[in-house]
Protein backbone atom coordinates (compact mmCIF):
# COMPACT_ATOMS: atom_id res chain seq x y z
CA UNK A 1 0.00 0.00 0.00
CA UNK A 2 1.32 3.53 -0.78
CA UNK A 3 1.96 5.93 2.05
CA UNK A 4 -1.31 7.43 3.36
CA UNK A 5 -2.45 10.74 1.96
CA UNK A 6 -4.80 11.29 4.91
CA UNK A 7 -3.87 10.09 8.38
CA UNK A 8 -5.59 10.40 11.76
CA UNK A 9 -3.54 9.27 14.76
CA UNK A 10 -5.43 8.91 18.05
CA UNK A 11 -7.65 11.90 17.23
CA UNK A 12 -10.19 12.94 19.85
CA UNK A 13 -12.52 15.92 19.99
CA UNK A 14 -14.55 16.90 23.03
CA UNK A 15 -16.94 19.78 23.62
CA UNK A 16 -18.26 21.28 26.82
CA UNK A 17 -22.01 21.79 27.00
CA UNK A 18 -22.70 23.31 30.35
CA UNK A 19 -21.47 20.84 32.91
CA UNK A 20 -21.43 17.95 30.40
CA UNK A 21 -18.55 16.77 28.22
CA UNK A 22 -19.50 15.58 24.73
CA UNK A 23 -17.06 13.12 23.15
CA UNK A 24 -17.56 13.79 19.43
CA UNK A 25 -14.52 11.69 18.43
CA UNK A 26 -12.79 9.10 20.61
CA UNK A 27 -9.23 8.21 19.60
CA UNK A 28 -9.78 7.81 15.84
CA UNK A 29 -7.02 6.10 13.85
CA UNK A 30 -7.44 6.24 10.09
CA UNK A 31 -5.16 5.97 7.06
CA UNK A 32 -6.41 6.66 3.52
CA UNK A 33 -4.21 6.29 0.43
CA UNK A 34 -3.77 8.93 -2.27
CA UNK A 35 -6.56 9.36 -4.84
CA UNK A 36 -9.07 7.44 -2.72
CA UNK A 37 -12.86 7.77 -2.68
CA UNK A 38 -14.10 7.26 0.87
CA UNK A 39 -17.65 7.29 2.23
CA UNK A 40 -17.93 8.13 5.93
CA UNK A 41 -21.23 6.89 7.34
CA UNK A 42 -23.00 6.74 10.68
CA UNK A 43 -26.06 7.93 12.52
CA UNK A 44 -26.62 11.55 13.47
CA UNK A 45 -24.24 12.41 16.30
CA UNK A 46 -21.76 9.65 15.40
CA UNK A 47 -18.95 12.14 14.72
CA UNK A 48 -19.05 12.28 10.90
CA UNK A 49 -19.24 16.05 10.56
CA UNK A 50 -16.67 16.58 13.30
CA UNK A 51 -14.22 14.35 11.45
CA UNK A 52 -14.75 16.38 8.27
CA UNK A 53 -14.42 19.73 10.05
CA UNK A 54 -11.12 18.61 11.57
CA UNK A 55 -9.88 17.43 8.20
CA UNK A 56 -10.78 20.82 6.71
CA UNK A 57 -8.95 22.62 9.55
CA UNK A 58 -12.21 24.29 10.55
CA UNK A 59 -11.70 22.96 14.09
CA UNK A 60 -8.80 21.63 16.14
CA UNK A 61 -8.76 18.24 17.83
CA UNK A 62 -8.56 17.95 21.58
CA UNK A 63 -5.93 15.24 21.17
CA UNK A 64 -4.03 13.53 18.38
CA UNK A 65 -2.52 14.41 15.03
CA UNK A 66 -3.93 14.80 11.50
CA UNK A 67 -1.73 14.84 8.41
CA UNK A 68 -2.73 15.41 4.78
CA UNK A 69 0.10 14.91 2.34
CA UNK A 70 2.98 17.05 3.57
CA UNK A 71 0.73 19.11 5.87
CA UNK A 72 0.54 18.41 9.60
CA UNK A 73 -2.88 19.97 9.95
CA UNK A 74 -2.92 19.98 13.74
CA UNK A 75 0.26 22.10 13.92
CA UNK A 76 -0.93 24.93 11.67
CA UNK A 77 -1.39 28.46 12.94
CA UNK A 78 -4.29 30.64 11.77
CA UNK A 79 -2.64 31.91 8.60
CA UNK A 80 -1.30 28.49 7.64
CA UNK A 81 -4.74 26.93 8.16
CA UNK A 82 -6.23 29.46 5.77
CA UNK A 83 -3.53 28.65 3.20
CA UNK A 84 -4.12 24.91 3.69
CA UNK A 85 -7.83 25.34 3.00
CA UNK A 86 -7.05 27.52 -0.02
CA UNK A 87 -4.48 25.15 -1.53
CA UNK A 88 -5.49 21.64 -0.45
CA UNK A 89 -9.20 21.40 0.36
CA UNK A 90 -12.36 21.94 -1.65
CA UNK A 91 -15.57 21.78 0.37
CA UNK A 92 -19.19 21.25 -0.66
CA UNK A 93 -22.21 21.25 1.63
CA UNK A 94 -25.71 19.82 1.84
CA UNK A 95 -27.28 23.30 1.75
CA UNK A 96 -24.99 24.56 -1.03
CA UNK A 97 -23.91 27.74 0.90
CA UNK A 98 -24.12 29.95 -2.18
CA UNK A 99 -24.24 33.75 -1.96
CA UNK A 100 -27.82 34.66 -2.86
CA UNK A 101 -26.97 38.04 -4.40
CA UNK A 102 -24.34 36.61 -6.78
CA UNK A 103 -24.90 34.81 -10.05
CA UNK A 104 -23.41 31.37 -10.68
CA UNK A 105 -20.12 32.61 -12.12
CA UNK A 106 -19.73 35.10 -9.26
CA UNK A 107 -20.19 32.32 -6.70
CA UNK A 108 -17.67 30.10 -8.44
CA UNK A 109 -14.99 32.78 -8.67
CA UNK A 110 -15.39 33.89 -5.04
CA UNK A 111 -12.45 31.79 -3.71
CA UNK A 112 -10.24 33.38 -6.36
CA UNK A 113 -11.36 36.84 -5.24
CA UNK A 114 -10.24 35.97 -1.72
CA UNK A 115 -6.95 34.69 -3.13
CA UNK A 116 -6.33 37.97 -4.97
CA UNK A 117 -6.53 36.56 -8.52
CA UNK A 118 -6.93 39.10 -11.32
CA UNK A 119 -10.57 39.75 -12.29
CA UNK A 120 -10.20 38.68 -15.93
CA UNK A 121 -8.39 35.45 -15.06
CA UNK A 122 -10.84 34.44 -12.34
CA UNK A 123 -13.82 35.07 -14.64
CA UNK A 124 -12.27 32.91 -17.36
CA UNK A 125 -11.50 30.14 -14.89
CA UNK A 126 -14.97 30.28 -13.32
CA UNK A 127 -16.71 30.10 -16.70
CA UNK A 128 -14.51 27.15 -17.72
CA UNK A 129 -15.33 25.36 -14.47
CA UNK A 130 -19.07 25.91 -14.94
CA UNK A 131 -18.73 24.39 -18.41
CA UNK A 132 -17.07 21.33 -16.88
CA UNK A 133 -20.06 20.76 -14.57
CA UNK A 134 -22.55 21.33 -17.39
CA UNK A 135 -23.80 24.80 -16.43
CA UNK A 136 -22.27 27.19 -18.93
CA UNK A 137 -25.76 28.25 -20.06
CA UNK A 138 -26.75 29.11 -16.46
CA UNK A 139 -23.73 31.18 -15.50
CA UNK A 140 -25.67 34.46 -15.12
CA UNK A 141 -28.45 32.96 -12.97
CA UNK A 142 -28.64 33.59 -9.23
CA UNK A 143 -29.18 30.68 -6.81
CA UNK A 144 -32.94 31.32 -6.51
CA UNK A 145 -33.18 30.86 -10.29
CA UNK A 146 -31.48 27.45 -10.19
CA UNK A 147 -32.75 24.01 -9.24
CA UNK A 148 -31.26 22.17 -6.27
CA UNK A 149 -29.12 20.05 -8.54
CA UNK A 150 -27.89 23.10 -10.42
CA UNK A 151 -27.04 24.85 -7.16
CA UNK A 152 -25.03 21.84 -6.06
CA UNK A 153 -23.16 21.83 -9.37
CA UNK A 154 -22.30 25.50 -8.82
CA UNK A 155 -21.08 24.59 -5.33
CA UNK A 156 -18.94 21.78 -6.74
CA UNK A 157 -17.46 24.12 -9.36
CA UNK A 158 -16.66 26.63 -6.59
CA UNK A 159 -14.98 23.90 -4.52
CA UNK A 160 -12.78 22.90 -7.47
CA UNK A 161 -11.90 26.37 -8.80
CA UNK A 162 -8.52 26.42 -6.98
CA UNK A 163 -7.68 22.86 -8.13
CA UNK A 164 -7.45 21.21 -4.69
CA UNK A 165 -6.15 17.63 -4.40
CA UNK A 166 -8.82 16.83 -1.75
CA UNK A 167 -12.58 17.29 -2.11
CA UNK A 168 -14.73 17.03 1.03
CA UNK A 169 -18.49 16.67 0.62
CA UNK A 170 -20.84 16.95 3.60
CA UNK A 171 -24.15 15.20 2.75
CA UNK A 172 -23.95 16.47 -0.86
CA UNK A 173 -27.14 14.66 -1.93
CA UNK A 174 -29.17 15.27 1.22
CA UNK A 175 -31.42 17.96 -0.29
CA UNK A 176 -31.83 16.38 -3.72
CA UNK A 177 -34.34 14.02 -5.31
CA UNK A 178 -33.09 10.54 -6.22
CA UNK A 179 -32.44 11.23 -9.90
CA UNK A 180 -30.56 14.47 -9.24
CA UNK A 181 -28.65 12.80 -6.40
CA UNK A 182 -27.50 10.09 -8.80
CA UNK A 183 -26.26 12.76 -11.21
CA UNK A 184 -24.26 14.45 -8.45
CA UNK A 185 -22.79 11.12 -7.34
CA UNK A 186 -21.74 10.50 -10.95
CA UNK A 187 -20.10 13.93 -11.09
CA UNK A 188 -18.18 13.20 -7.87
CA UNK A 189 -16.97 9.96 -9.42
CA UNK A 190 -15.72 11.87 -12.47
CA UNK A 191 -13.88 14.27 -10.16
CA UNK A 192 -12.25 11.31 -8.42
CA UNK A 193 -11.34 9.65 -11.71
CA UNK A 194 -9.58 12.87 -12.72
CA UNK A 195 -7.08 12.27 -9.90
CA UNK A 196 -8.48 13.83 -6.73
CA UNK A 197 -9.12 12.27 -3.35
CA UNK A 198 -12.81 12.48 -2.43
CA UNK A 199 -14.24 12.02 1.06
CA UNK A 200 -18.02 12.08 1.42
CA UNK A 201 -20.01 12.19 4.64
CA UNK A 202 -23.38 10.58 4.05
CA UNK A 203 -26.26 8.95 5.89
CA UNK A 204 -27.14 6.98 2.75
CA UNK A 205 -24.36 4.57 1.82
CA UNK A 206 -26.47 2.96 -0.92
CA UNK A 207 -26.03 6.08 -3.07
CA UNK A 208 -22.24 5.71 -2.99
CA UNK A 209 -21.66 1.95 -2.83
CA UNK A 210 -21.00 1.71 -6.58
CA UNK A 211 -18.51 4.62 -6.64
CA UNK A 212 -16.75 4.72 -3.25
CA UNK A 213 -13.71 2.48 -2.80
CA UNK A 214 -13.83 2.48 0.98
CA UNK A 215 -16.43 2.86 3.72
CA UNK A 216 -15.60 4.15 7.21
CA UNK A 217 -18.42 3.77 9.72
CA UNK A 218 -18.53 5.81 12.93
CA UNK A 219 -20.56 5.18 16.05
CA UNK A 220 -20.39 7.29 19.21
CA UNK A 221 -17.23 8.98 17.96
CA UNK A 222 -15.30 5.79 17.22
CA UNK A 223 -14.48 3.93 14.00
CA UNK A 224 -16.42 0.66 14.12
CA UNK A 225 -15.87 -0.33 10.49
CA UNK A 226 -13.17 0.43 7.94
CA UNK A 227 -13.31 -1.73 4.85
CA UNK A 228 -12.64 -1.69 1.14
CA UNK A 229 -15.68 -1.88 -1.11
CA UNK A 230 -13.39 -2.55 -4.06
CA UNK A 231 -9.81 -1.84 -5.01
CA UNK A 232 -9.08 1.26 -7.08
């Protein structure tokens, strides 16, 4: 097996809620190879979203170490975490998280605005990315003028605009009908086949069983299953 691209070593995350301590993750050990497609499953409260937030450097673990490629995520300061998210991670969400006042191309180019990319270049790159996800004819439409599936395609284009090696998807089909969900799953598979690592948090493994290579199941903050569905 090649060296892991993603590695969790004894990672724990606890939260204080009043006088109670919530153990969101309990000593997770995980090693995922480069260019993998992993589905993380479990009931609500199992720790799925916490694992993803830690991987995206949106939170810090209470204990343990996370590495992604050459990055030791748990050692990064504030500025380095922002650079890590800008260079390594693309993130898509169940509720799309699009800016309502911006059209599709404006939403897609937003990460490039934050990165200081020239206006002409970022517009060209955003339009090219929308074409890749099949939305070039909808580039001037705002989110309220798009279907749920179209909004998710815009969100995927935005997540990929800075060419990250790792795509994280938090319940990406949760707000979609079954046909549209299947289309989004197919698009995620194409993204993986193009050479990226993809990690999806989902409550519905059946949607991803034919595309994911690996399933990691969490329960009460611990990994209770880690198995290959098929070899890449």
